[in-house]
Amino acid sequence: MEKDQLLTRRTLLTGVAALGAAGAGGALALGAGNGTSRPPAPVPAPGPPQRSPLKPSAYRLQPLTGYGAPRAAHRRPPVRSEPILRMTGRGRTMLLTFDDGPHPEYTPEILDTLAKYEVHATFFVCGEMADYNRDLLTRMADEGHVVGNHTWSHPLLTKLSRRRIRSEMERTSEVVEEAYGEAPRWFRAPYGAWNRDTFQLGSALGMEPLAWTVDTLDWTTPGTGTIVDRVEEGAAPGVVVLSHDAGGDRSQSVRALRRYLPELLDSGYHLTVPRRRLI
């Protein structure tokens, strides 16, 4: 990626990175998000040829629990004892998140749908996938989405040493910063498995832990209709929805988004991204 392109994205992302301080009780402060009069999505900036691993890591296991949160810019965020599960804010505001990508087939389709309805989402990327698909991180930056850290290889962090956990986080943050234009401000532990080391290291790297309120369980490929029902039945102010754009066949997740997104908007929901004030 050319240096001037990277600086341009950093400039464009100044507003997107204005994250608000996380609230108590597993809730995060949230600002305005998707915007209703955004211009058409720009053409992705040129980058290295898209590479797709022949055999991505088989890391799609059942999440252990659901947790989550945000991050600071000029100061480290607090070291939390649990992740943030939902957000606070006015009105019928929700947050859509996608884990495990970016995937060269499914992620572009999800981005196309989000662009069609002028909605922004949060993508928790795995470093090994992001490294092969840096152009998709560039597109996420250009289109106003938030990119978070989901470790390098999607391991169960509670079984790793502190040094291994740091390596998983740092390597991914480096790839995100190079391709997206800034280091991630959010972190999500694979399988929702958190411990003291994950909270401490995440804070040291400037990230806060963000989990979820509604798990679509789309990784089990339950059927497009079932995924849609889970999102619509779980919809409520402050909800954080967990879906996936990689880690297996995500065609059901893609089709489900095309169905439930316009229905949520028609119901008066505002789909946005996590934000917090710079301290």
C-alpha atoms as a PDB file:
ATOM      1  CA  MET A   1       0.000   0.000   0.000  1.00  0.00           C
ATOM      2  CA  GLU A   2       1.358   3.446  -0.938  1.00  0.00           C
ATOM      3  CA  LYS A   3       2.234   5.746   1.957  1.00  0.00           C
ATOM      4  CA  ASP A   4       0.038   8.599   0.679  1.00  0.00           C
ATOM      5  CA  GLN A   5      -2.958   6.264   0.474  1.00  0.00           C
ATOM      6  CA  LEU A   6      -2.377   5.167   4.067  1.00  0.00           C
ATOM      7  CA  LEU A   7      -2.213   8.768   5.262  1.00  0.00           C
ATOM      8  CA  THR A   8      -5.416   9.572   3.377  1.00  0.00           C
ATOM      9  CA  ARG A   9      -7.258   6.763   5.104  1.00  0.00           C
ATOM     10  CA  ARG A  10      -5.934   7.851   8.459  1.00  0.00           C
ATOM     11  CA  THR A  11      -7.305  11.312   7.798  1.00  0.00           C
ATOM     12  CA  LEU A  12     -10.686   9.949   6.765  1.00  0.00           C
ATOM     13  CA  LEU A  13     -10.822   7.749   9.845  1.00  0.00           C
ATOM     14  CA  THR A  14     -10.246  10.568  12.321  1.00  0.00           C
ATOM     15  CA  GLY A  15     -13.983  10.972  12.845  1.00  0.00           C
ATOM     16  CA  VAL A  16     -14.721   7.247  12.835  1.00  0.00           C
ATOM     17  CA  ALA A  17     -12.218   6.672  15.642  1.00  0.00           C
ATOM     18  CA  ALA A  18     -13.953   9.055  18.070  1.00  0.00           C
ATOM     19  CA  LEU A  19     -14.882   6.374  20.570  1.00  0.00           C
ATOM     20  CA  GLY A  20     -16.768   7.175  23.782  1.00  0.00           C
ATOM     21  CA  ALA A  21     -15.831   5.887  27.256  1.00  0.00           C
ATOM     22  CA  ALA A  22     -17.320   2.511  28.167  1.00  0.00           C
ATOM     23  CA  GLY A  23     -20.049   2.449  30.787  1.00  0.00           C
ATOM     24  CA  ALA A  24     -20.370   0.205  33.807  1.00  0.00           C
ATOM     25  CA  GLY A  25     -22.205  -3.101  33.914  1.00  0.00           C
ATOM     26  CA  GLY A  26     -20.979  -4.405  30.576  1.00  0.00           C
ATOM     27  CA  ALA A  27     -22.311  -1.560  28.435  1.00  0.00           C
ATOM     28  CA  LEU A  28     -20.438   0.706  26.052  1.00  0.00           C
ATOM     29  CA  ALA A  29     -21.114   4.297  25.109  1.00  0.00           C
ATOM     30  CA  LEU A  30     -22.115   4.694  21.486  1.00  0.00           C
ATOM     31  CA  GLY A  31     -22.361   7.651  19.144  1.00  0.00           C
ATOM     32  CA  ALA A  32     -24.177   8.193  15.874  1.00  0.00           C
ATOM     33  CA  GLY A  33     -23.169   5.644  13.343  1.00  0.00           C
ATOM     34  CA  ASN A  34     -24.426   4.526   9.974  1.00  0.00           C
ATOM     35  CA  GLY A  35     -25.575   7.862   8.574  1.00  0.00           C
ATOM     36  CA  THR A  36     -28.492   8.148   6.214  1.00  0.00           C
ATOM     37  CA  SER A  37     -27.035  10.375   3.504  1.00  0.00           C
ATOM     38  CA  ARG A  38     -23.633   8.863   2.918  1.00  0.00           C
ATOM     39  CA  PRO A  39     -22.354   9.061  -0.682  1.00  0.00           C
ATOM     40  CA  PRO A  40     -21.991   5.860  -2.689  1.00  0.00           C
ATOM     41  CA  ALA A  41     -19.248   3.517  -1.504  1.00  0.00           C
ATOM     42  CA  PRO A  42     -15.934   4.417  -3.164  1.00  0.00           C
ATOM     43  CA  VAL A  43     -14.029   1.999  -5.316  1.00  0.00           C
ATOM     44  CA  PRO A  44     -11.489   0.100  -3.181  1.00  0.00           C
ATOM     45  CA  ALA A  45      -8.009   1.588  -3.291  1.00  0.00           C
ATOM     46  CA  PRO A  46      -5.482  -0.399  -5.291  1.00  0.00           C
ATOM     47  CA  GLY A  47      -3.419  -2.823  -3.283  1.00  0.00           C
ATOM     48  CA  PRO A  48      -1.485  -6.055  -3.533  1.00  0.00           C
ATOM     49  CA  PRO A  49      -3.131  -8.954  -5.359  1.00  0.00           C
ATOM     50  CA  GLN A  50      -5.716 -10.686  -3.231  1.00  0.00           C
ATOM     51  CA  ARG A  51      -4.421 -13.926  -1.807  1.00  0.00           C
ATOM     52  CA  SER A  52      -6.525 -16.593  -0.245  1.00  0.00           C
ATOM     53  CA  PRO A  53      -5.032 -19.310   1.953  1.00  0.00           C
ATOM     54  CA  LEU A  54      -5.601 -22.758   0.526  1.00  0.00           C
ATOM     55  CA  LYS A  55      -6.633 -24.107   3.887  1.00  0.00           C
ATOM     56  CA  PRO A  56      -7.572 -21.550   6.569  1.00  0.00           C
ATOM     57  CA  SER A  57      -7.210 -22.670  10.161  1.00  0.00           C
ATOM     58  CA  ALA A  58     -10.044 -24.880  11.385  1.00  0.00           C
ATOM     59  CA  TYR A  59     -10.959 -22.596  14.259  1.00  0.00           C
ATOM     60  CA  ARG A  60     -14.742 -22.550  14.173  1.00  0.00           C
ATOM     61  CA  LEU A  61     -15.581 -24.052  17.547  1.00  0.00           C
ATOM     62  CA  GLN A  62     -18.510 -23.172  19.750  1.00  0.00           C
ATOM     63  CA  PRO A  63     -18.054 -19.874  21.631  1.00  0.00           C
ATOM     64  CA  LEU A  64     -17.726 -20.362  25.380  1.00  0.00           C
ATOM     65  CA  THR A  65     -19.541 -17.167  26.308  1.00  0.00           C
ATOM     66  CA  GLY A  66     -20.303 -13.674  25.073  1.00  0.00           C
ATOM     67  CA  TYR A  67     -18.448 -10.568  26.152  1.00  0.00           C
ATOM     68  CA  GLY A  68     -17.104  -7.247  24.645  1.00  0.00           C
ATOM     69  CA  ALA A  69     -15.830  -3.436  24.724  1.00  0.00           C
ATOM     70  CA  PRO A  70     -13.991  -0.268  23.205  1.00  0.00           C
ATOM     71  CA  ARG A  71     -10.477   1.486  23.376  1.00  0.00           C
ATOM     72  CA  ALA A  72      -8.673   4.776  24.062  1.00  0.00           C
ATOM     73  CA  ALA A  73      -6.434   6.905  21.856  1.00  0.00           C
ATOM     74  CA  HIS A  74      -4.282   9.128  24.068  1.00  0.00           C
ATOM     75  CA  ARG A  75      -4.541   7.008  27.201  1.00  0.00           C
ATOM     76  CA  ARG A  76      -4.745   3.311  27.743  1.00  0.00           C
ATOM     77  CA  PRO A  77      -8.252   2.076  28.410  1.00  0.00           C
ATOM     78  CA  PRO A  78      -8.916   0.654  31.881  1.00  0.00           C
ATOM     79  CA  VAL A  79      -8.037  -2.945  32.617  1.00  0.00           C
ATOM     80  CA  ARG A  80     -11.432  -4.569  32.896  1.00  0.00           C
ATOM     81  CA  SER A  81     -12.471  -7.694  34.746  1.00  0.00           C
ATOM     82  CA  GLU A  82     -15.143  -8.536  32.184  1.00  0.00           C
ATOM     83  CA  PRO A  83     -15.893  -7.488  28.626  1.00  0.00           C
ATOM     84  CA  ILE A  84     -18.670  -5.154  27.541  1.00  0.00           C
ATOM     85  CA  LEU A  85     -21.791  -6.931  26.338  1.00  0.00           C
ATOM     86  CA  ARG A  86     -24.051  -4.173  25.059  1.00  0.00           C
ATOM     87  CA  MET A  87     -24.057  -0.473  24.343  1.00  0.00           C
ATOM     88  CA  THR A  88     -25.788   2.545  25.739  1.00  0.00           C
ATOM     89  CA  GLY A  89     -27.311   5.348  23.719  1.00  0.00           C
ATOM     90  CA  ARG A  90     -30.522   6.943  22.623  1.00  0.00           C
ATOM     91  CA  GLY A  91     -33.225   5.271  20.628  1.00  0.00           C
ATOM     92  CA  ARG A  92     -33.303   1.951  18.839  1.00  0.00           C
ATOM     93  CA  THR A  93     -29.584   1.607  18.202  1.00  0.00           C
ATOM     94  CA  MET A  94     -27.870  -1.696  17.451  1.00  0.00           C
ATOM     95  CA  LEU A  95     -24.420  -2.830  16.426  1.00  0.00           C
ATOM     96  CA  LEU A  96     -23.633  -5.533  13.843  1.00  0.00           C
ATOM     97  CA  THR A  97     -20.321  -7.387  14.206  1.00  0.00           C
ATOM     98  CA  PHE A  98     -18.665 -10.038  12.038  1.00  0.00           C
ATOM     99  CA  ASP A  99     -15.861 -12.355  13.189  1.00  0.00           C
ATOM    100  CA  ASP A 100     -13.038 -14.452  11.723  1.00  0.00           C
ATOM    101  CA  GLY A 101     -12.507 -12.742   8.349  1.00  0.00           C
ATOM    102  CA  PRO A 102     -11.829 -11.188   6.060  1.00  0.00           C
ATOM    103  CA  HIS A 103     -12.753 -13.883   3.570  1.00  0.00           C
ATOM    104  CA  PRO A 104     -12.243 -13.280  -0.172  1.00  0.00           C
ATOM    105  CA  GLU A 105     -15.703 -14.628  -1.064  1.00  0.00           C
ATOM    106  CA  TYR A 106     -18.080 -13.817   1.795  1.00  0.00           C
ATOM    107  CA  THR A 107     -16.701 -10.551   3.154  1.00  0.00           C
ATOM    108  CA  PRO A 108     -17.116  -8.616  -0.135  1.00  0.00           C
ATOM    109  CA  GLU A 109     -20.746  -9.771  -0.334  1.00  0.00           C
ATOM    110  CA  ILE A 110     -21.384  -8.555   3.215  1.00  0.00           C
ATOM    111  CA  LEU A 111     -19.693  -5.247   2.420  1.00  0.00           C
ATOM    112  CA  ASP A 112     -21.830  -4.881  -0.700  1.00  0.00           C
ATOM    113  CA  THR A 113     -25.025  -5.319   1.339  1.00  0.00           C
ATOM    114  CA  LEU A 114     -23.893  -2.864   4.014  1.00  0.00           C
ATOM    115  CA  ALA A 115     -23.030  -0.322   1.315  1.00  0.00           C
ATOM    116  CA  LYS A 116     -26.414  -0.771  -0.349  1.00  0.00           C
ATOM    117  CA  TYR A 117     -28.193   0.265   2.855  1.00  0.00           C
ATOM    118  CA  GLU A 118     -25.519   2.768   3.952  1.00  0.00           C
ATOM    119  CA  VAL A 119     -24.835   0.889   7.177  1.00  0.00           C
ATOM    120  CA  HIS A 120     -21.514   0.584   8.988  1.00  0.00           C
ATOM    121  CA  ALA A 121     -20.453  -2.536  10.894  1.00  0.00           C
ATOM    122  CA  THR A 122     -17.566  -3.802  13.010  1.00  0.00           C
ATOM    123  CA  PHE A 123     -15.296  -6.570  11.707  1.00  0.00           C
ATOM    124  CA  PHE A 124     -13.146  -8.544  14.152  1.00  0.00           C
ATOM    125  CA  VAL A 125     -10.443  -9.923  11.911  1.00  0.00           C
ATOM    126  CA  CYS A 126      -7.968 -12.746  12.380  1.00  0.00           C
ATOM    127  CA  GLY A 127      -4.446 -11.715  11.444  1.00  0.00           C
ATOM    128  CA  GLU A 128      -3.725 -14.712   9.240  1.00  0.00           C
ATOM    129  CA  MET A 129      -6.842 -13.956   7.186  1.00  0.00           C
ATOM    130  CA  ALA A 130      -6.224 -10.212   7.149  1.00  0.00           C
ATOM    131  CA  ASP A 131      -2.662 -10.729   5.943  1.00  0.00           C
ATOM    132  CA  TYR A 132      -3.934 -12.641   2.894  1.00  0.00           C
ATOM    133  CA  ASN A 133      -6.731 -10.154   2.187  1.00  0.00           C
ATOM    134  CA  ARG A 134      -5.339  -6.727   3.003  1.00  0.00           C
ATOM    135  CA  ASP A 135      -7.307  -5.134   0.206  1.00  0.00           C
ATOM    136  CA  LEU A 136     -10.508  -5.928   2.091  1.00  0.00           C
ATOM    137  CA  LEU A 137      -9.240  -4.079   5.175  1.00  0.00           C
ATOM    138  CA  THR A 138      -8.487  -1.147   2.900  1.00  0.00           C
ATOM    139  CA  ARG A 139     -12.040  -1.268   1.606  1.00  0.00           C
ATOM    140  CA  MET A 140     -13.414  -1.399   5.164  1.00  0.00           C
ATOM    141  CA  ALA A 141     -11.470   1.740   5.989  1.00  0.00           C
ATOM    142  CA  ASP A 142     -12.625   3.529   2.853  1.00  0.00           C
ATOM    143  CA  GLU A 143     -16.267   2.644   3.530  1.00  0.00           C
ATOM    144  CA  GLY A 144     -16.264   3.681   7.182  1.00  0.00           C
ATOM    145  CA  HIS A 145     -16.365   0.331   8.949  1.00  0.00           C
ATOM    146  CA  VAL A 146     -14.529  -0.408  12.197  1.00  0.00           C
ATOM    147  CA  VAL A 147     -11.912  -3.177  12.303  1.00  0.00           C
ATOM    148  CA  GLY A 148     -11.115  -4.954  15.548  1.00  0.00           C
ATOM    149  CA  ASN A 149      -8.516  -7.498  16.653  1.00  0.00           C
ATOM    150  CA  HIS A 150      -9.593 -11.154  16.871  1.00  0.00           C
ATOM    151  CA  THR A 151      -6.066 -12.599  17.347  1.00  0.00           C
ATOM    152  CA  TRP A 152      -3.824 -14.039  14.661  1.00  0.00           C
ATOM    153  CA  SER A 153      -4.930 -17.693  14.478  1.00  0.00           C
ATOM    154  CA  HIS A 154      -8.113 -17.847  16.599  1.00  0.00           C
ATOM    155  CA  PRO A 155      -6.695 -19.909  19.498  1.00  0.00           C
ATOM    156  CA  LEU A 156      -8.257 -20.518  22.890  1.00  0.00           C
ATOM    157  CA  LEU A 157      -6.359 -17.781  24.725  1.00  0.00           C
ATOM    158  CA  THR A 158      -7.045 -19.142  28.196  1.00  0.00           C
ATOM    159  CA  LYS A 159      -4.796 -22.104  27.307  1.00  0.00           C
ATOM    160  CA  LEU A 160      -1.856 -19.961  26.134  1.00  0.00           C
ATOM    161  CA  SER A 161       1.025 -18.333  27.946  1.00  0.00           C
ATOM    162  CA  ARG A 162       1.024 -14.575  28.401  1.00  0.00           C
ATOM    163  CA  ARG A 163       3.800 -14.277  25.803  1.00  0.00           C
ATOM    164  CA  ARG A 164       1.783 -16.237  23.221  1.00  0.00           C
ATOM    165  CA  ILE A 165      -1.304 -14.151  23.861  1.00  0.00           C
ATOM    166  CA  ARG A 166       0.668 -10.949  23.345  1.00  0.00           C
ATOM    167  CA  SER A 167       2.090 -12.299  20.084  1.00  0.00           C
ATOM    168  CA  GLU A 168      -1.383 -13.220  18.797  1.00  0.00           C
ATOM    169  CA  MET A 169      -2.634  -9.712  19.545  1.00  0.00           C
ATOM    170  CA  GLU A 170       0.420  -7.723  18.416  1.00  0.00           C
ATOM    171  CA  ARG A 171       0.837  -9.460  15.046  1.00  0.00           C
ATOM    172  CA  THR A 172      -2.794  -8.829  14.179  1.00  0.00           C
ATOM    173  CA  SER A 173      -2.671  -5.194  15.288  1.00  0.00           C
ATOM    174  CA  GLU A 174       0.357  -4.638  13.059  1.00  0.00           C
ATOM    175  CA  VAL A 175      -1.395  -6.027   9.970  1.00  0.00           C
ATOM    176  CA  VAL A 176      -4.535  -4.013  10.706  1.00  0.00           C
ATOM    177  CA  GLU A 177      -2.552  -0.804  11.116  1.00  0.00           C
ATOM    178  CA  GLU A 178      -0.700  -1.348   7.842  1.00  0.00           C
ATOM    179  CA  ALA A 179      -3.772  -2.233   5.763  1.00  0.00           C
ATOM    180  CA  TYR A 180      -6.559  -0.337   7.506  1.00  0.00           C
ATOM    181  CA  GLY A 181      -4.654   2.822   8.365  1.00  0.00           C
ATOM    182  CA  GLU A 182      -4.691   2.724  12.168  1.00  0.00           C
ATOM    183  CA  ALA A 183      -4.261   0.164  14.918  1.00  0.00           C
ATOM    184  CA  PRO A 184      -7.426  -1.529  16.188  1.00  0.00           C
ATOM    185  CA  ARG A 185      -9.156  -0.001  19.200  1.00  0.00           C
ATOM    186  CA  TRP A 186     -11.286  -3.044  19.925  1.00  0.00           C
ATOM    187  CA  PHE A 187     -10.515  -6.648  20.802  1.00  0.00           C
ATOM    188  CA  ARG A 188     -12.644  -9.784  20.906  1.00  0.00           C
ATOM    189  CA  ALA A 189     -11.353 -13.024  22.396  1.00  0.00           C
ATOM    190  CA  PRO A 190     -11.980 -16.135  20.295  1.00  0.00           C
ATOM    191  CA  TYR A 191     -14.849 -18.215  21.672  1.00  0.00           C
ATOM    192  CA  GLY A 192     -15.558 -15.419  24.159  1.00  0.00           C
ATOM    193  CA  ALA A 193     -12.870 -16.889  26.436  1.00  0.00           C
ATOM    194  CA  TRP A 194     -11.316 -14.099  28.519  1.00  0.00           C
ATOM    195  CA  ASN A 195      -8.926 -14.034  31.458  1.00  0.00           C
ATOM    196  CA  ARG A 196      -6.800 -11.493  33.307  1.00  0.00           C
ATOM    197  CA  ASP A 197      -3.982 -11.662  30.742  1.00  0.00           C
ATOM    198  CA  THR A 198      -6.318 -10.905  27.838  1.00  0.00           C
ATOM    199  CA  PHE A 199      -7.734  -7.848  29.608  1.00  0.00           C
ATOM    200  CA  GLN A 200      -4.319  -6.566  30.688  1.00  0.00           C
ATOM    201  CA  LEU A 201      -2.633  -7.095  27.322  1.00  0.00           C
ATOM    202  CA  GLY A 202      -5.573  -5.697  25.395  1.00  0.00           C
ATOM    203  CA  SER A 203      -5.448  -2.544  27.496  1.00  0.00           C
ATOM    204  CA  ALA A 204      -1.667  -2.270  27.063  1.00  0.00           C
ATOM    205  CA  LEU A 205      -2.182  -2.375  23.281  1.00  0.00           C
ATOM    206  CA  GLY A 206      -4.844   0.341  23.465  1.00  0.00           C
ATOM    207  CA  MET A 207      -7.855  -1.923  22.962  1.00  0.00           C
ATOM    208  CA  GLU A 208     -10.995  -2.587  24.929  1.00  0.00           C
ATOM    209  CA  PRO A 209     -12.853  -5.930  24.887  1.00  0.00           C
ATOM    210  CA  LEU A 210     -16.104  -6.027  22.937  1.00  0.00           C
ATOM    211  CA  ALA A 211     -18.341  -9.090  23.140  1.00  0.00           C
ATOM    212  CA  TRP A 212     -21.954  -9.542  22.059  1.00  0.00           C
ATOM    213  CA  THR A 213     -25.538  -9.686  23.253  1.00  0.00           C
ATOM    214  CA  VAL A 214     -27.142 -11.759  20.487  1.00  0.00           C
ATOM    215  CA  ASP A 215     -25.311 -14.770  19.032  1.00  0.00           C
ATOM    216  CA  THR A 216     -26.758 -15.833  15.690  1.00  0.00           C
ATOM    217  CA  LEU A 217     -24.916 -19.180  15.917  1.00  0.00           C
ATOM    218  CA  ASP A 218     -24.522 -18.869  12.163  1.00  0.00           C
ATOM    219  CA  TRP A 219     -21.318 -20.911  12.320  1.00  0.00           C
ATOM    220  CA  THR A 220     -23.538 -23.979  12.851  1.00  0.00           C
ATOM    221  CA  THR A 221     -25.207 -23.269   9.460  1.00  0.00           C
ATOM    222  CA  PRO A 222     -28.717 -23.565  10.948  1.00  0.00           C
ATOM    223  CA  GLY A 223     -30.384 -22.174   7.841  1.00  0.00           C
ATOM    224  CA  THR A 224     -30.862 -18.641   6.549  1.00  0.00           C
ATOM    225  CA  GLY A 225     -34.335 -18.319   8.034  1.00  0.00           C
ATOM    226  CA  THR A 226     -33.141 -19.364  11.489  1.00  0.00           C
ATOM    227  CA  ILE A 227     -30.365 -16.761  11.450  1.00  0.00           C
ATOM    228  CA  VAL A 228     -32.851 -14.080  10.416  1.00  0.00           C
ATOM    229  CA  ASP A 229     -35.238 -15.104  13.199  1.00  0.00           C
ATOM    230  CA  ARG A 230     -32.498 -14.984  15.833  1.00  0.00           C
ATOM    231  CA  VAL A 231     -31.503 -11.466  14.864  1.00  0.00           C
ATOM    232  CA  GLU A 232     -35.052 -10.158  14.657  1.00  0.00           C
ATOM    233  CA  GLU A 233     -36.161 -11.843  17.882  1.00  0.00           C
ATOM    234  CA  GLY A 234     -33.107 -10.540  19.719  1.00  0.00           C
ATOM    235  CA  ALA A 235     -33.325  -7.008  18.325  1.00  0.00           C
ATOM    236  CA  ALA A 236     -33.543  -4.365  21.054  1.00  0.00           C
ATOM    237  CA  PRO A 237     -31.892  -1.049  21.926  1.00  0.00           C
ATOM    238  CA  GLY A 238     -28.235  -1.562  22.834  1.00  0.00           C
ATOM    239  CA  VAL A 239     -27.900  -5.031  21.324  1.00  0.00           C
ATOM    240  CA  VAL A 240     -24.600  -6.206  19.812  1.00  0.00           C
ATOM    241  CA  VAL A 241     -25.140  -8.926  17.191  1.00  0.00           C
ATOM    242  CA  LEU A 242     -22.497 -11.580  16.525  1.00  0.00           C
ATOM    243  CA  SER A 243     -22.223 -13.109  13.039  1.00  0.00           C
ATOM    244  CA  HIS A 244     -19.337 -14.475  10.962  1.00  0.00           C
ATOM    245  CA  ASP A 245     -17.843 -13.727   7.565  1.00  0.00           C
ATOM    246  CA  ALA A 246     -15.255 -16.542   7.567  1.00  0.00           C
ATOM    247  CA  GLY A 247     -14.271 -19.765   9.342  1.00  0.00           C
ATOM    248  CA  GLY A 248     -16.417 -21.956   7.096  1.00  0.00           C
ATOM    249  CA  ASP A 249     -19.284 -21.741   4.611  1.00  0.00           C
ATOM    250  CA  ARG A 250     -20.865 -18.355   5.356  1.00  0.00           C
ATOM    251  CA  SER A 251     -23.320 -18.221   2.456  1.00  0.00           C
ATOM    252  CA  GLN A 252     -26.233 -18.475   4.911  1.00  0.00           C
ATOM    253  CA  SER A 253     -24.876 -15.509   6.872  1.00  0.00           C
ATOM    254  CA  VAL A 254     -24.632 -13.484   3.662  1.00  0.00           C
ATOM    255  CA  ARG A 255     -28.198 -14.292   2.631  1.00  0.00           C
ATOM    256  CA  ALA A 256     -29.527 -13.664   6.135  1.00  0.00           C
ATOM    257  CA  LEU A 257     -27.982 -10.178   6.254  1.00  0.00           C
ATOM    258  CA  ARG A 258     -29.731  -9.296   2.994  1.00  0.00           C
ATOM    259  CA  ARG A 259     -33.057 -10.181   4.628  1.00  0.00           C
ATOM    260  CA  TYR A 260     -32.823  -8.875   8.184  1.00  0.00           C
ATOM    261  CA  LEU A 261     -30.924  -5.646   7.533  1.00  0.00           C
ATOM    262  CA  PRO A 262     -33.686  -3.847   5.574  1.00  0.00           C
ATOM    263  CA  GLU A 263     -36.266  -5.206   8.011  1.00  0.00           C
ATOM    264  CA  LEU A 264     -34.372  -3.786  10.994  1.00  0.00           C
ATOM    265  CA  LEU A 265     -34.096  -0.420   9.259  1.00  0.00           C
ATOM    266  CA  ASP A 266     -37.791  -0.440   8.387  1.00  0.00           C
ATOM    267  CA  SER A 267     -38.524  -1.144  12.061  1.00  0.00           C
ATOM    268  CA  GLY A 268     -36.703   2.013  13.054  1.00  0.00           C
ATOM    269  CA  TYR A 269     -33.400   0.549  14.193  1.00  0.00           C
ATOM    270  CA  HIS A 270     -30.196   2.524  13.731  1.00  0.00           C
ATOM    271  CA  LEU A 271     -27.219   0.279  12.881  1.00  0.00           C
ATOM    272  CA  THR A 272     -23.950   1.883  13.852  1.00  0.00           C
ATOM    273  CA  VAL A 273     -20.397   1.311  15.110  1.00  0.00           C
ATOM    274  CA  PRO A 274     -18.863   1.724  18.580  1.00  0.00           C
ATOM    275  CA  ARG A 275     -17.449   5.156  19.355  1.00  0.00           C
ATOM    276  CA  ARG A 276     -15.939   6.944  22.310  1.00  0.00           C
ATOM    277  CA  ARG A 277     -14.473  10.327  23.091  1.00  0.00           C
ATOM    278  CA  LEU A 278     -10.720  10.738  22.977  1.00  0.00           C
ATOM    279  CA  ILE A 279      -9.318  11.209  26.467  1.00  0.00           C
END
